[in-house]
Every structure is written in C-alpha cells, then in structure tokens.
C-alpha cells in the first residue's frame, strides 16, 4: 500500500485512558493518514502520537506543481460528469413517477372515502393541492 498523495493532517486530543483503550487503532491510523494524536492529562498536553517520518526523517521538499492537464483530460472529466448527471436524472425520473403514482392512489382513496363536499378538511386539502393534482 502506498502513501496517500496528500496526507490528511488532523489533530485529535484524547485523555490518557482513552488513548490507552484505542492505542493500536490510533497508531495504525497515524501511519496511514498522518493524524497527530495529542494525549492530555487534566486538559494539559503531555505526549503525542505522530507519524514516524515526522520525527525520523527531515521534512520532504514541498511538492512541485504538476503540469496542467491537457484538453483531453478535461474532455474525459466532462464525459464522466455528463454520465453521472444522466444517471441521476434517470433515477430521479423513476422516483418522481413512483411518487406521482403513489400520490394518485392516495387521492383516489381519499376521493372514495370522502367525496368532494363531504369533508371540509379534505376539501381544503383538495384546493391547496389542486395545482399539483392537475399537473399529473
């Protein structure tokens, strides 16, 4: 497993007891993500779990800026984005159809149980949702 391109640098403060309980997890997480865990005693920092590379090796040179991607990289991303958009549109259209069908069934049941003019509250709902019912 390689190192992440840009390590995640988080700082976490834990009590001695919590650190003791989670020590193995914290050490592995530190090695993977570069997280720094500060051990506190009564709110006062007393120790830290830091990545070994921060202590054993000199800091690396700052990364050099990457060359700007060419137009073909942008076109690839645009294709991917459009595919995701189309997938989301298709999913939403299906869900809208399902919800519209369920709403139609609910209104049909309401119309059977409380025909227009028999229940003032249902008539109020009919008037308030009339535009939604007509657009289906």
Protein backbone atom coordinates (compact mmCIF):
# COMPACT_ATOMS: atom_id res chain seq x y z
CA UNK A 1 0.00 0.00 0.00
CA UNK A 2 1.45 3.35 -0.97
CA UNK A 3 1.21 6.62 0.87
CA UNK A 4 -1.63 8.96 0.05
CA UNK A 5 -0.74 11.67 -2.44
CA UNK A 6 -1.64 14.36 0.09
CA UNK A 7 -1.72 13.04 3.66
CA UNK A 8 -4.66 14.03 5.77
CA UNK A 9 -3.37 16.05 8.71
CA UNK A 10 -5.79 16.00 11.60
CA UNK A 11 -5.17 16.69 15.25
CA UNK A 12 -7.04 14.74 17.84
CA UNK A 13 -6.87 15.25 21.62
CA UNK A 14 -7.60 12.30 23.90
CA UNK A 15 -7.25 11.58 27.60
CA UNK A 16 -4.69 9.07 28.82
CA UNK A 17 -7.40 6.46 29.45
CA UNK A 18 -9.00 6.86 26.02
CA UNK A 19 -5.59 6.73 24.36
CA UNK A 20 -4.76 3.53 26.23
CA UNK A 21 -8.01 1.90 25.09
CA UNK A 22 -7.57 2.92 21.43
CA UNK A 23 -3.75 2.79 21.19
CA UNK A 24 -3.47 0.16 18.44
CA UNK A 25 -6.14 1.87 16.32
CA UNK A 26 -4.52 5.29 16.81
CA UNK A 27 -1.06 4.05 15.83
CA UNK A 28 -2.35 2.41 12.65
CA UNK A 29 -4.42 5.47 11.76
CA UNK A 30 -1.39 7.71 12.32
CA UNK A 31 0.69 5.59 9.95
CA UNK A 32 -2.00 5.67 7.25
CA UNK A 33 -3.26 9.23 7.42
CA UNK A 34 -0.61 11.23 9.25
CA UNK A 35 -3.04 12.04 12.04
CA UNK A 36 -1.49 13.52 15.17
CA UNK A 37 -2.99 12.43 18.48
CA UNK A 38 -2.22 14.59 21.49
CA UNK A 39 -2.50 12.84 24.85
CA UNK A 40 -3.82 15.16 27.55
CA UNK A 41 -3.86 14.81 31.30
CA UNK A 42 -6.30 17.12 33.02
CA UNK A 43 -6.55 19.22 29.86
CA UNK A 44 -2.75 19.67 29.67
CA UNK A 45 -0.92 18.12 26.67
CA UNK A 46 1.70 15.64 27.84
CA UNK A 47 2.55 13.46 24.82
CA UNK A 48 1.72 12.91 21.16
CA UNK A 49 1.42 10.06 18.71
CA UNK A 50 2.90 11.37 15.47
CA UNK A 51 3.94 9.73 12.20
CA UNK A 52 7.45 8.28 12.46
CA UNK A 53 8.52 10.09 9.30
CA UNK A 54 7.95 13.42 11.07
CA UNK A 55 10.48 12.50 13.74
CA UNK A 56 12.97 10.25 11.94
CA UNK A 57 13.31 11.93 8.56
CA UNK A 58 13.87 15.52 7.57
CA UNK A 59 10.75 17.14 6.16
CA UNK A 60 10.35 16.49 2.43
CA UNK A 61 10.76 19.25 -0.09
CA UNK A 62 7.47 20.87 -0.94
CA UNK A 63 5.81 19.19 -3.92
CA UNK A 64 6.42 20.78 -7.26
CA UNK A 65 3.34 21.98 -9.06
CA UNK A 66 2.09 19.42 -11.54
CA UNK A 67 1.90 20.30 -15.18
CA UNK A 68 -1.52 21.49 -16.22
CA UNK A 69 -3.58 18.66 -17.69
CA UNK A 70 -4.20 18.82 -21.39
CA UNK A 71 -7.58 19.37 -23.03
CA UNK A 72 -8.10 15.61 -23.41
CA UNK A 73 -8.14 15.25 -19.60
CA UNK A 74 -10.84 17.92 -19.34
CA UNK A 75 -12.89 16.22 -22.04
CA UNK A 76 -12.68 12.92 -20.13
CA UNK A 77 -13.93 14.56 -16.97
CA UNK A 78 -16.75 16.26 -18.84
CA UNK A 79 -17.85 12.89 -20.24
CA UNK A 80 -17.81 11.36 -16.76
CA UNK A 81 -19.76 14.27 -15.28
CA UNK A 82 -22.37 14.10 -18.03
CA UNK A 83 -22.75 10.35 -17.50
CA UNK A 84 -23.30 10.88 -13.76
CA UNK A 85 -25.81 13.65 -14.47
CA UNK A 86 -27.73 11.44 -16.87
CA UNK A 87 -27.76 8.56 -14.36
CA UNK A 88 -29.07 10.90 -11.63
CA UNK A 89 -31.73 12.32 -13.99
CA UNK A 90 -32.89 8.80 -14.84
CA UNK A 91 -33.04 7.81 -11.15
CA UNK A 92 -34.97 10.96 -10.24
CA UNK A 93 -37.40 10.49 -13.12
CA UNK A 94 -38.14 6.96 -11.88
CA UNK A 95 -38.66 8.16 -8.32
CA UNK A 96 -40.89 11.01 -9.49
CA UNK A 97 -43.03 8.51 -11.42
CA UNK A 98 -43.29 6.27 -8.33
CA UNK A 99 -44.23 9.19 -6.08
CA UNK A 100 -46.76 10.54 -8.58
CA UNK A 101 -48.37 7.11 -8.81
CA UNK A 102 -48.50 6.81 -5.00
CA UNK A 103 -50.00 10.32 -4.74
CA UNK A 104 -52.64 9.45 -7.34
CA UNK A 105 -53.56 6.32 -5.39
CA UNK A 106 -53.78 8.31 -2.15
CA UNK A 107 -56.09 10.90 -3.70
CA UNK A 108 -58.26 8.18 -5.26
CA UNK A 109 -58.65 6.60 -1.84
CA UNK A 110 -59.43 9.99 -0.27
CA UNK A 111 -61.99 10.67 -3.01
CA UNK A 112 -63.65 7.30 -2.28
CA UNK A 113 -63.68 7.76 1.49
CA UNK A 114 -64.55 11.47 1.46
CA UNK A 115 -66.16 12.53 -1.83
CA UNK A 116 -65.93 16.25 -2.66
CA UNK A 117 -68.23 18.30 -0.45
CA UNK A 118 -68.49 15.74 2.39
CA UNK A 119 -65.46 16.71 4.49
CA UNK A 120 -64.36 20.32 4.90
CA UNK A 121 -60.74 19.40 5.81
CA UNK A 122 -60.29 17.13 2.79
CA UNK A 123 -61.85 19.79 0.55
CA UNK A 124 -59.31 22.29 1.92
CA UNK A 125 -56.52 19.85 1.01
CA UNK A 126 -58.00 19.39 -2.46
CA UNK A 127 -57.98 23.15 -3.00
CA UNK A 128 -54.46 23.57 -1.63
CA UNK A 129 -53.07 20.74 -3.77
CA UNK A 130 -55.21 21.33 -6.83
CA UNK A 131 -52.30 22.63 -8.93
CA UNK A 132 -50.22 19.53 -8.11
CA UNK A 133 -53.08 17.18 -8.90
CA UNK A 134 -53.76 18.86 -12.26
CA UNK A 135 -50.11 18.72 -13.36
CA UNK A 136 -50.01 14.94 -13.10
